[in-house]
Amino acid sequence: MLTIQPVSPNERIAYRVSIVSIIVNILLVAAKLFAGIFAHSNALISDAVHSLSDVIGTLFVIVGVKMSNKKADSTHPYGHEKMECLASIVLALILVITGLKIGSDALILIIHTLQGSALVIPSALALYAALLSIVVKEWMYWYTLNAAKKINSSALKAEAWHHRSDALSSIGSLIGIGGAMLGFPICDPLVSILICLVIVKVAYDILSDAINKLVDRSLSAEQNEEIRQLILAIPGVTGVDMLKSRMFGAKFYIDVEISVCKDLSLEESHLISENVHQRIEAHFPDAKHCMVHVNPGLCSE
């Protein structure tokens, strides 16, 4: 059975950030929902629903980080890092559903308005709630992003962007509420449409990143070249015959074939390959493992 209590340092950081996120989001949901209902702002209610999705997403982050930090076992000899990608995918799907729901509700309101129905103009209470949300969610974005960079967590990074999308939606709410109070009530549901588009775009970015890590996508050409140059600088290596890299959750694997002087003994060749292995894993902390194959090559004069 999966327990939530953190064990590793990375889990403790993710757990602490997630708990703070849950508490802040619950308070924001209550504040924005209260203000949205009593101040008659559809945009702010949409914003509150977005914050509620943050709470659900954070729970997936906690579980995803916990599972990804499990040690390799007989049935998963390469580890469980990809579990974090699955958590990011679930989070992205939650965002898509949330965004489409907000967009569809706003579209219905706009259609009713065009058909002659009157929209209620929101009060100043909604404006203050939107301002509070912008400040708090932007702070949560930086707080979570710094933690994500510290432990190299894709799920936590996705959660950070979830906070940023919420801050952006609150900015939209602020504009919509302000426009409605200035005599343009249709601004409120129009902003909800924009919020929908922002949320779906963020979800797409999160989903793309997670899928790339699940399907063993290579590192960038720049990263591969950096690895190649590091190998060529190691004494005894005369060439790099093949270099492959693949992402594995937040980590990556490297497979490389190097050339060494064909006249070297097996032990000497092995020592060179071991040096390559150790140098790469020391230089790239995110390298989960480096496999080195030695080919006989030309000897320098």
C-alpha atoms as a PDB file:
ATOM      1  CA  MET A   1       0.000   0.000   0.000  1.00  0.00           C
ATOM      2  CA  LEU A   2       1.303   3.491  -0.886  1.00  0.00           C
ATOM      3  CA  THR A   3       1.970   5.709   2.133  1.00  0.00           C
ATOM      4  CA  ILE A   4       2.111   9.476   1.794  1.00  0.00           C
ATOM      5  CA  GLN A   5       4.645  10.078   4.603  1.00  0.00           C
ATOM      6  CA  PRO A   6       7.833  11.401   2.895  1.00  0.00           C
ATOM      7  CA  VAL A   7      11.112   9.505   3.234  1.00  0.00           C
ATOM      8  CA  SER A   8      13.744  10.918   0.864  1.00  0.00           C
ATOM      9  CA  PRO A   9      14.894  14.594   0.935  1.00  0.00           C
ATOM     10  CA  ASN A  10      13.192  15.182  -2.434  1.00  0.00           C
ATOM     11  CA  GLU A  11       9.952  13.765  -1.118  1.00  0.00           C
ATOM     12  CA  ARG A  12      10.129  15.967   1.967  1.00  0.00           C
ATOM     13  CA  ILE A  13      10.540  19.087  -0.171  1.00  0.00           C
ATOM     14  CA  ALA A  14       7.691  18.090  -2.499  1.00  0.00           C
ATOM     15  CA  TYR A  15       5.504  17.129   0.450  1.00  0.00           C
ATOM     16  CA  ARG A  16       6.086  20.451   2.241  1.00  0.00           C
ATOM     17  CA  VAL A  17       5.390  22.501  -0.896  1.00  0.00           C
ATOM     18  CA  SER A  18       2.286  20.451  -1.672  1.00  0.00           C
ATOM     19  CA  ILE A  19       0.829  20.871   1.815  1.00  0.00           C
ATOM     20  CA  VAL A  20       1.344  24.645   1.627  1.00  0.00           C
ATOM     21  CA  SER A  21      -0.269  24.610  -1.826  1.00  0.00           C
ATOM     22  CA  ILE A  22      -3.315  22.685  -0.619  1.00  0.00           C
ATOM     23  CA  ILE A  23      -3.895  24.972   2.375  1.00  0.00           C
ATOM     24  CA  VAL A  24      -3.493  28.167   0.323  1.00  0.00           C
ATOM     25  CA  ASN A  25      -5.732  26.898  -2.481  1.00  0.00           C
ATOM     26  CA  ILE A  26      -8.515  25.809  -0.126  1.00  0.00           C
ATOM     27  CA  LEU A  27      -8.536  29.284   1.430  1.00  0.00           C
ATOM     28  CA  LEU A  28      -8.511  30.907  -2.018  1.00  0.00           C
ATOM     29  CA  VAL A  29     -11.321  28.691  -3.304  1.00  0.00           C
ATOM     30  CA  ALA A  30     -13.469  29.687  -0.335  1.00  0.00           C
ATOM     31  CA  ALA A  31     -12.656  33.393  -0.726  1.00  0.00           C
ATOM     32  CA  LYS A  32     -13.180  33.534  -4.494  1.00  0.00           C
ATOM     33  CA  LEU A  33     -16.307  31.389  -4.457  1.00  0.00           C
ATOM     34  CA  PHE A  34     -17.838  33.539  -1.707  1.00  0.00           C
ATOM     35  CA  ALA A  35     -16.922  36.758  -3.511  1.00  0.00           C
ATOM     36  CA  GLY A  36     -17.984  35.409  -6.908  1.00  0.00           C
ATOM     37  CA  ILE A  37     -21.434  34.379  -5.694  1.00  0.00           C
ATOM     38  CA  PHE A  38     -22.208  37.426  -3.570  1.00  0.00           C
ATOM     39  CA  ALA A  39     -20.573  39.914  -5.949  1.00  0.00           C
ATOM     40  CA  HIS A  40     -22.258  38.300  -9.001  1.00  0.00           C
ATOM     41  CA  SER A  41     -19.053  37.599 -10.982  1.00  0.00           C
ATOM     42  CA  ASN A  42     -19.033  34.618 -13.333  1.00  0.00           C
ATOM     43  CA  ALA A  43     -15.334  35.170 -14.054  1.00  0.00           C
ATOM     44  CA  LEU A  44     -14.454  34.947 -10.348  1.00  0.00           C
ATOM     45  CA  ILE A  45     -16.526  31.782  -9.911  1.00  0.00           C
ATOM     46  CA  SER A  46     -14.646  30.294 -12.877  1.00  0.00           C
ATOM     47  CA  ASP A  47     -11.427  31.344 -11.187  1.00  0.00           C
ATOM     48  CA  ALA A  48     -12.517  29.586  -7.987  1.00  0.00           C
ATOM     49  CA  VAL A  49     -13.173  26.360  -9.921  1.00  0.00           C
ATOM     50  CA  HIS A  50      -9.667  26.664 -11.387  1.00  0.00           C
ATOM     51  CA  SER A  51      -8.209  26.948  -7.870  1.00  0.00           C
ATOM     52  CA  LEU A  52     -10.195  23.887  -6.801  1.00  0.00           C
ATOM     53  CA  SER A  53      -8.550  21.931  -9.624  1.00  0.00           C
ATOM     54  CA  ASP A  54      -5.208  23.022  -8.117  1.00  0.00           C
ATOM     55  CA  VAL A  55      -6.049  21.156  -4.916  1.00  0.00           C
ATOM     56  CA  ILE A  56      -6.827  17.966  -6.838  1.00  0.00           C
ATOM     57  CA  GLY A  57      -3.687  18.386  -8.950  1.00  0.00           C
ATOM     58  CA  THR A  58      -1.506  18.832  -5.867  1.00  0.00           C
ATOM     59  CA  LEU A  59      -2.695  15.503  -4.477  1.00  0.00           C
ATOM     60  CA  PHE A  60      -1.552  13.841  -7.702  1.00  0.00           C
ATOM     61  CA  VAL A  61       1.826  15.584  -7.383  1.00  0.00           C
ATOM     62  CA  ILE A  62       2.316  14.163  -3.872  1.00  0.00           C
ATOM     63  CA  VAL A  63       1.492  10.639  -5.036  1.00  0.00           C
ATOM     64  CA  GLY A  64       3.537  11.007  -8.249  1.00  0.00           C
ATOM     65  CA  VAL A  65       6.688  12.185  -6.457  1.00  0.00           C
ATOM     66  CA  LYS A  66       6.271   9.463  -3.823  1.00  0.00           C
ATOM     67  CA  MET A  67       5.983   6.700  -6.433  1.00  0.00           C
ATOM     68  CA  SER A  68       8.798   8.049  -8.629  1.00  0.00           C
ATOM     69  CA  ASN A  69      11.221   7.922  -5.686  1.00  0.00           C
ATOM     70  CA  LYS A  70      10.615   4.228  -5.007  1.00  0.00           C
ATOM     71  CA  LYS A  71      13.756   2.155  -5.403  1.00  0.00           C
ATOM     72  CA  ALA A  72      14.213  -0.226  -8.338  1.00  0.00           C
ATOM     73  CA  ASP A  73      12.887  -3.725  -7.751  1.00  0.00           C
ATOM     74  CA  SER A  74      12.671  -7.054  -9.582  1.00  0.00           C
ATOM     75  CA  THR A  75       9.644  -5.971 -11.621  1.00  0.00           C
ATOM     76  CA  HIS A  76      10.896  -2.411 -12.248  1.00  0.00           C
ATOM     77  CA  PRO A  77      14.692  -2.774 -12.544  1.00  0.00           C
ATOM     78  CA  TYR A  78      15.082   0.696 -14.077  1.00  0.00           C
ATOM     79  CA  GLY A  79      13.234   2.452 -11.263  1.00  0.00           C
ATOM     80  CA  HIS A  80       9.919   4.304 -11.110  1.00  0.00           C
ATOM     81  CA  GLU A  81      10.758   7.835 -12.331  1.00  0.00           C
ATOM     82  CA  LYS A  82       8.163   7.668 -15.104  1.00  0.00           C
ATOM     83  CA  MET A  83       5.407   7.513 -12.482  1.00  0.00           C
ATOM     84  CA  GLU A  84       5.920  11.256 -12.016  1.00  0.00           C
ATOM     85  CA  CYS A  85       5.190  11.770 -15.717  1.00  0.00           C
ATOM     86  CA  LEU A  86       1.896   9.915 -15.290  1.00  0.00           C
ATOM     87  CA  ALA A  87       1.012  12.289 -12.445  1.00  0.00           C
ATOM     88  CA  SER A  88       1.781  15.238 -14.748  1.00  0.00           C
ATOM     89  CA  ILE A  89      -0.487  13.769 -17.452  1.00  0.00           C
ATOM     90  CA  VAL A  90      -3.358  13.388 -14.988  1.00  0.00           C
ATOM     91  CA  LEU A  91      -2.790  16.974 -13.847  1.00  0.00           C
ATOM     92  CA  ALA A  92      -2.855  18.177 -17.474  1.00  0.00           C
ATOM     93  CA  LEU A  93      -6.132  16.336 -18.116  1.00  0.00           C
ATOM     94  CA  ILE A  94      -7.661  17.928 -15.015  1.00  0.00           C
ATOM     95  CA  LEU A  95      -6.626  21.321 -16.392  1.00  0.00           C
ATOM     96  CA  VAL A  96      -8.180  20.575 -19.799  1.00  0.00           C
ATOM     97  CA  ILE A  97     -11.490  19.507 -18.251  1.00  0.00           C
ATOM     98  CA  THR A  98     -11.490  22.561 -15.969  1.00  0.00           C
ATOM     99  CA  GLY A  99     -10.697  24.934 -18.821  1.00  0.00           C
ATOM    100  CA  LEU A 100     -13.336  23.527 -21.156  1.00  0.00           C
ATOM    101  CA  LYS A 101     -15.979  23.666 -18.426  1.00  0.00           C
ATOM    102  CA  ILE A 102     -15.168  27.318 -17.704  1.00  0.00           C
ATOM    103  CA  GLY A 103     -15.214  28.123 -21.430  1.00  0.00           C
ATOM    104  CA  SER A 104     -18.506  26.361 -22.130  1.00  0.00           C
ATOM    105  CA  ASP A 105     -20.280  28.048 -19.205  1.00  0.00           C
ATOM    106  CA  ALA A 106     -19.028  31.459 -20.334  1.00  0.00           C
ATOM    107  CA  LEU A 107     -20.076  30.792 -23.928  1.00  0.00           C
ATOM    108  CA  ILE A 108     -23.606  29.961 -22.796  1.00  0.00           C
ATOM    109  CA  LEU A 109     -23.758  33.267 -20.895  1.00  0.00           C
ATOM    110  CA  ILE A 110     -22.555  35.205 -23.936  1.00  0.00           C
ATOM    111  CA  ILE A 111     -25.171  33.532 -26.162  1.00  0.00           C
ATOM    112  CA  HIS A 112     -27.909  34.387 -23.659  1.00  0.00           C
ATOM    113  CA  THR A 113     -26.667  37.979 -23.567  1.00  0.00           C
ATOM    114  CA  LEU A 114     -26.789  38.257 -27.347  1.00  0.00           C
ATOM    115  CA  GLN A 115     -30.335  36.927 -27.203  1.00  0.00           C
ATOM    116  CA  GLY A 116     -31.362  39.796 -24.931  1.00  0.00           C
ATOM    117  CA  SER A 117     -30.767  38.498 -21.409  1.00  0.00           C
ATOM    118  CA  ALA A 118     -29.323  41.048 -18.974  1.00  0.00           C
ATOM    119  CA  LEU A 119     -26.113  40.332 -17.108  1.00  0.00           C
ATOM    120  CA  VAL A 120     -25.678  41.333 -13.466  1.00  0.00           C
ATOM    121  CA  ILE A 121     -22.796  43.765 -12.927  1.00  0.00           C
ATOM    122  CA  PRO A 122     -20.335  42.489 -10.279  1.00  0.00           C
ATOM    123  CA  SER A 123     -19.552  44.570  -7.190  1.00  0.00           C
ATOM    124  CA  ALA A 124     -16.210  45.809  -5.810  1.00  0.00           C
ATOM    125  CA  LEU A 125     -15.946  42.719  -3.570  1.00  0.00           C
ATOM    126  CA  ALA A 126     -15.135  40.613  -6.645  1.00  0.00           C
ATOM    127  CA  LEU A 127     -12.445  43.101  -7.647  1.00  0.00           C
ATOM    128  CA  TYR A 128     -10.679  42.832  -4.269  1.00  0.00           C
ATOM    129  CA  ALA A 129     -10.869  39.022  -4.322  1.00  0.00           C
ATOM    130  CA  ALA A 130      -9.272  38.924  -7.790  1.00  0.00           C
ATOM    131  CA  LEU A 131      -6.426  41.192  -6.630  1.00  0.00           C
ATOM    132  CA  LEU A 132      -5.791  38.969  -3.609  1.00  0.00           C
ATOM    133  CA  SER A 133      -5.720  35.883  -5.824  1.00  0.00           C
ATOM    134  CA  ILE A 134      -3.189  37.409  -8.235  1.00  0.00           C
ATOM    135  CA  VAL A 135      -0.729  38.226  -5.446  1.00  0.00           C
ATOM    136  CA  VAL A 136      -1.070  34.883  -3.655  1.00  0.00           C
ATOM    137  CA  LYS A 137      -0.943  32.683  -6.766  1.00  0.00           C
ATOM    138  CA  GLU A 138       2.072  34.478  -8.233  1.00  0.00           C
ATOM    139  CA  TRP A 139       3.894  33.925  -4.935  1.00  0.00           C
ATOM    140  CA  MET A 140       2.875  30.238  -5.024  1.00  0.00           C
ATOM    141  CA  TYR A 141       4.212  29.958  -8.584  1.00  0.00           C
ATOM    142  CA  TRP A 142       7.717  31.109  -7.600  1.00  0.00           C
ATOM    143  CA  TYR A 143       7.690  29.146  -4.351  1.00  0.00           C
ATOM    144  CA  THR A 144       6.777  25.912  -6.146  1.00  0.00           C
ATOM    145  CA  LEU A 145       9.025  26.513  -9.174  1.00  0.00           C
ATOM    146  CA  ASN A 146      12.092  27.035  -6.978  1.00  0.00           C
ATOM    147  CA  ALA A 147      11.365  23.739  -5.219  1.00  0.00           C
ATOM    148  CA  ALA A 148      10.831  21.986  -8.583  1.00  0.00           C
ATOM    149  CA  LYS A 149      14.232  23.185  -9.828  1.00  0.00           C
ATOM    150  CA  LYS A 150      15.886  22.135  -6.588  1.00  0.00           C
ATOM    151  CA  ILE A 151      14.729  18.501  -6.842  1.00  0.00           C
ATOM    152  CA  ASN A 152      14.285  18.424 -10.655  1.00  0.00           C
ATOM    153  CA  SER A 153      10.629  17.403 -10.413  1.00  0.00           C
ATOM    154  CA  SER A 154       8.503  17.574 -13.574  1.00  0.00           C
ATOM    155  CA  ALA A 155       5.305  17.055 -11.572  1.00  0.00           C
ATOM    156  CA  LEU A 156       6.176  19.894  -9.198  1.00  0.00           C
ATOM    157  CA  LYS A 157       7.102  22.090 -12.163  1.00  0.00           C
ATOM    158  CA  ALA A 158       3.714  21.307 -13.703  1.00  0.00           C
ATOM    159  CA  GLU A 159       2.115  22.276 -10.405  1.00  0.00           C
ATOM    160  CA  ALA A 160       4.036  25.587 -10.455  1.00  0.00           C
ATOM    161  CA  TRP A 161       2.647  26.395 -13.886  1.00  0.00           C
ATOM    162  CA  HIS A 162      -0.767  25.421 -12.596  1.00  0.00           C
ATOM    163  CA  HIS A 163      -0.352  28.228 -10.041  1.00  0.00           C
ATOM    164  CA  ARG A 164       0.818  30.620 -12.759  1.00  0.00           C
ATOM    165  CA  SER A 165      -2.211  29.785 -14.928  1.00  0.00           C
ATOM    166  CA  ASP A 166      -4.404  30.518 -11.918  1.00  0.00           C
ATOM    167  CA  ALA A 167      -2.668  33.879 -11.445  1.00  0.00           C
ATOM    168  CA  LEU A 168      -3.237  34.671 -15.130  1.00  0.00           C
ATOM    169  CA  SER A 169      -6.880  33.682 -14.862  1.00  0.00           C
ATOM    170  CA  SER A 170      -7.218  36.003 -11.857  1.00  0.00           C
ATOM    171  CA  ILE A 171      -5.725  38.830 -13.923  1.00  0.00           C
ATOM    172  CA  GLY A 172      -8.346  38.064 -16.533  1.00  0.00           C
ATOM    173  CA  SER A 173     -11.016  38.084 -13.847  1.00  0.00           C
ATOM    174  CA  LEU A 174      -9.776  41.469 -12.655  1.00  0.00           C
ATOM    175  CA  ILE A 175     -10.023  42.911 -16.173  1.00  0.00           C
ATOM    176  CA  GLY A 176     -13.424  41.362 -16.767  1.00  0.00           C
ATOM    177  CA  ILE A 177     -14.832  42.543 -13.444  1.00  0.00           C
ATOM    178  CA  GLY A 178     -13.393  46.034 -13.978  1.00  0.00           C
ATOM    179  CA  GLY A 179     -14.855  46.201 -17.479  1.00  0.00           C
ATOM    180  CA  ALA A 180     -18.258  45.063 -16.225  1.00  0.00           C
ATOM    181  CA  MET A 181     -18.209  47.673 -13.447  1.00  0.00           C
ATOM    182  CA  LEU A 182     -17.409  50.340 -16.061  1.00  0.00           C
ATOM    183  CA  GLY A 183     -20.601  49.466 -17.932  1.00  0.00           C
ATOM    184  CA  PHE A 184     -19.580  46.543 -20.134  1.00  0.00           C
ATOM    185  CA  PRO A 185     -21.052  43.484 -18.347  1.00  0.00           C
ATOM    186  CA  ILE A 186     -20.231  41.144 -21.232  1.00  0.00           C
ATOM    187  CA  CYS A 187     -16.538  41.595 -20.354  1.00  0.00           C
ATOM    188  CA  ASP A 188     -17.000  39.206 -17.419  1.00  0.00           C
ATOM    189  CA  PRO A 189     -17.938  36.079 -19.456  1.00  0.00           C
ATOM    190  CA  LEU A 190     -15.582  37.103 -22.289  1.00  0.00           C
ATOM    191  CA  VAL A 191     -12.682  36.975 -19.853  1.00  0.00           C
ATOM    192  CA  SER A 192     -13.800  33.500 -18.790  1.00  0.00           C
ATOM    193  CA  ILE A 193     -13.291  32.416 -22.415  1.00  0.00           C
ATOM    194  CA  LEU A 194      -9.742  33.806 -22.296  1.00  0.00           C
ATOM    195  CA  ILE A 195      -9.146  32.004 -19.001  1.00  0.00           C
ATOM    196  CA  CYS A 196     -10.254  28.789 -20.706  1.00  0.00           C
ATOM    197  CA  LEU A 197      -7.704  29.276 -23.503  1.00  0.00           C
ATOM    198  CA  VAL A 198      -4.865  30.016 -21.044  1.00  0.00           C
ATOM    199  CA  ILE A 199      -5.658  26.913 -18.992  1.00  0.00           C
ATOM    200  CA  VAL A 200      -5.818  24.645 -22.047  1.00  0.00           C
ATOM    201  CA  LYS A 201      -2.497  26.053 -23.356  1.00  0.00           C
ATOM    202  CA  VAL A 202      -0.774  25.353 -20.018  1.00  0.00           C
ATOM    203  CA  ALA A 203      -2.268  21.853 -19.996  1.00  0.00           C
ATOM    204  CA  TYR A 204      -0.926  21.223 -23.511  1.00  0.00           C
ATOM    205  CA  ASP A 205       2.604  22.266 -22.486  1.00  0.00           C
ATOM    206  CA  ILE A 206       2.529  20.017 -19.403  1.00  0.00           C
ATOM    207  CA  LEU A 207       1.154  17.099 -21.417  1.00  0.00           C
ATOM    208  CA  SER A 208       3.768  17.480 -24.169  1.00  0.00           C
ATOM    209  CA  ASP A 209       6.634  17.523 -21.661  1.00  0.00           C
ATOM    210  CA  ALA A 210       5.327  14.443 -19.822  1.00  0.00           C
ATOM    211  CA  ILE A 211       4.758  12.449 -23.032  1.00  0.00           C
ATOM    212  CA  ASN A 212       8.257  13.277 -24.320  1.00  0.00           C
ATOM    213  CA  LYS A 213       9.719  11.845 -21.109  1.00  0.00           C
ATOM    214  CA  LEU A 214       7.563   8.730 -21.344  1.00  0.00           C
ATOM    215  CA  VAL A 215       8.521   7.854 -24.929  1.00  0.00           C
ATOM    216  CA  ASP A 216      12.307   8.004 -24.343  1.00  0.00           C
ATOM    217  CA  ARG A 217      12.895  11.201 -26.268  1.00  0.00           C
ATOM    218  CA  SER A 218      16.541  12.155 -26.749  1.00  0.00           C
ATOM    219  CA  LEU A 219      18.192  15.044 -24.991  1.00  0.00           C
ATOM    220  CA  SER A 220      18.625  18.230 -27.014  1.00  0.00           C
ATOM    221  CA  ALA A 221      21.328  18.419 -29.686  1.00  0.00           C
ATOM    222  CA  GLU A 222      23.202  20.915 -27.495  1.00  0.00           C
ATOM    223  CA  GLN A 223      23.170  18.551 -24.500  1.00  0.00           C
ATOM    224  CA  ASN A 224      24.308  15.598 -26.609  1.00  0.00           C
ATOM    225  CA  GLU A 225      27.154  17.664 -28.029  1.00  0.00           C
ATOM    226  CA  GLU A 226      28.191  18.724 -24.532  1.00  0.00           C
ATOM    227  CA  ILE A 227      28.356  15.057 -23.529  1.00  0.00           C
ATOM    228  CA  ARG A 228      30.342  14.208 -26.669  1.00  0.00           C
ATOM    229  CA  GLN A 229      32.922  16.919 -26.003  1.00  0.00           C
ATOM    230  CA  LEU A 230      33.271  15.802 -22.394  1.00  0.00           C
ATOM    231  CA  ILE A 231      34.017  12.249 -23.532  1.00  0.00           C
ATOM    232  CA  LEU A 232      36.536  13.328 -26.181  1.00  0.00           C
ATOM    233  CA  ALA A 233      38.452  15.304 -23.534  1.00  0.00           C
ATOM    234  CA  ILE A 234      39.043  12.166 -21.442  1.00  0.00           C
ATOM    235  CA  PRO A 235      42.586  10.739 -21.806  1.00  0.00           C
ATOM    236  CA  GLY A 236      42.719   7.552 -23.876  1.00  0.00           C
ATOM    237  CA  VAL A 237      39.522   8.193 -25.857  1.00  0.00           C
ATOM    238  CA  THR A 238      40.317   8.533 -29.562  1.00  0.00           C
ATOM    239  CA  GLY A 239      36.765   8.911 -30.831  1.00  0.00           C
ATOM    240  CA  VAL A 240      33.033   8.698 -30.092  1.00  0.00           C
ATOM    241  CA  ASP A 241      31.518   6.157 -32.500  1.00  0.00           C
ATOM    242  CA  MET A 242      27.956   6.328 -31.189  1.00  0.00           C
ATOM    243  CA  LEU A 243      26.095   8.415 -28.636  1.00  0.00           C
ATOM    244  CA  LYS A 244      22.472   7.902 -27.644  1.00  0.00           C
ATOM    245  CA  SER A 245      20.512   9.537 -24.842  1.00  0.00           C
ATOM    246  CA  ARG A 246      16.958   9.022 -23.650  1.00  0.00           C
ATOM    247  CA  MET A 247      14.870  10.763 -21.047  1.00  0.00           C
ATOM    248  CA  PHE A 248      13.493   8.670 -18.221  1.00  0.00           C
ATOM    249  CA  GLY A 249      11.142  10.795 -16.157  1.00  0.00           C
ATOM    250  CA  ALA A 250      13.229  13.581 -14.626  1.00  0.00           C
ATOM    251  CA  LYS A 251      16.437  11.582 -15.276  1.00  0.00           C
ATOM    252  CA  PHE A 252      18.142  10.355 -18.461  1.00  0.00           C
ATOM    253  CA  TYR A 253      20.193   7.420 -19.715  1.00  0.00           C
ATOM    254  CA  ILE A 254      23.266   7.587 -21.953  1.00  0.00           C
ATOM    255  CA  ASP A 255      24.606   4.816 -24.217  1.00  0.00           C
ATOM    256  CA  VAL A 256      27.964   5.512 -25.827  1.00  0.00           C
ATOM    257  CA  GLU A 257      30.524   3.659 -27.933  1.00  0.00           C
ATOM    258  CA  ILE A 258      34.059   4.985 -27.714  1.00  0.00           C
ATOM    259  CA  SER A 259      37.228   4.158 -29.624  1.00  0.00           C
ATOM    260  CA  VAL A 260      40.528   3.500 -27.846  1.00  0.00           C
ATOM    261  CA  CYS A 261      43.909   2.363 -29.104  1.00  0.00           C
ATOM    262  CA  LYS A 262      43.598  -1.228 -30.307  1.00  0.00           C
ATOM    263  CA  ASP A 263      46.959  -2.126 -28.745  1.00  0.00           C
ATOM    264  CA  LEU A 264      45.761  -1.462 -25.189  1.00  0.00           C
ATOM    265  CA  SER A 265      45.128  -4.360 -22.838  1.00  0.00           C
ATOM    266  CA  LEU A 266      41.605  -5.280 -21.747  1.00  0.00           C
ATOM    267  CA  GLU A 267      42.301  -3.845 -18.305  1.00  0.00           C
ATOM    268  CA  GLU A 268      43.568  -0.538 -19.733  1.00  0.00           C
ATOM    269  CA  SER A 269      40.552  -0.243 -22.034  1.00  0.00           C
ATOM    270  CA  HIS A 270      38.238  -0.982 -19.128  1.00  0.00           C
ATOM    271  CA  LEU A 271      39.823   1.727 -16.992  1.00  0.00           C
ATOM    272  CA  ILE A 272      39.232   4.284 -19.763  1.00  0.00           C
ATOM    273  CA  SER A 273      35.591   3.244 -20.156  1.00  0.00           C
ATOM    274  CA  GLU A 274      35.131   3.395 -16.375  1.00  0.00           C
ATOM    275  CA  ASN A 275      36.581   6.904 -16.386  1.00  0.00           C
ATOM    276  CA  VAL A 276      34.073   7.919 -19.078  1.00  0.00           C
ATOM    277  CA  HIS A 277      31.249   6.405 -17.047  1.00  0.00           C
ATOM    278  CA  GLN A 278      32.224   8.193 -13.829  1.00  0.00           C
ATOM    279  CA  ARG A 279      32.982  11.559 -15.449  1.00  0.00           C
ATOM    280  CA  ILE A 280      29.602  11.700 -17.194  1.00  0.00           C
ATOM    281  CA  GLU A 281      27.599  10.752 -14.105  1.00  0.00           C
ATOM    282  CA  ALA A 282      29.607  13.224 -11.987  1.00  0.00           C
ATOM    283  CA  HIS A 283      29.196  16.077 -14.501  1.00  0.00           C
ATOM    284  CA  PHE A 284      25.483  15.447 -15.116  1.00  0.00           C
ATOM    285  CA  PRO A 285      23.642  14.845 -11.803  1.00  0.00           C
ATOM    286  CA  ASP A 286      20.461  13.946 -13.709  1.00  0.00           C
ATOM    287  CA  ALA A 287      22.173  11.078 -15.549  1.00  0.00           C
ATOM    288  CA  LYS A 288      20.607   7.934 -14.094  1.00  0.00           C
ATOM    289  CA  HIS A 289      23.135   5.632 -15.768  1.00  0.00           C
ATOM    290  CA  CYS A 290      25.796   5.682 -18.488  1.00  0.00           C
ATOM    291  CA  MET A 291      26.591   2.522 -20.463  1.00  0.00           C
ATOM    292  CA  VAL A 292      29.990   2.570 -22.215  1.00  0.00           C
ATOM    293  CA  HIS A 293      31.079   0.145 -24.979  1.00  0.00           C
ATOM    294  CA  VAL A 294      34.700   0.128 -26.156  1.00  0.00           C
ATOM    295  CA  ASN A 295      35.728  -0.343 -29.799  1.00  0.00           C
ATOM    296  CA  PRO A 296      39.312  -0.934 -31.041  1.00  0.00           C
ATOM    297  CA  GLY A 297      40.553   2.157 -32.848  1.00  0.00           C
ATOM    298  CA  LEU A 298      43.639   3.818 -34.267  1.00  0.00           C
ATOM    299  CA  CYS A 299      46.540   4.527 -31.978  1.00  0.00           C
ATOM    300  CA  SER A 300      47.997   8.027 -31.795  1.00  0.00           C
ATOM    301  CA  GLU A 301      51.603   8.314 -32.880  1.00  0.00           C
END
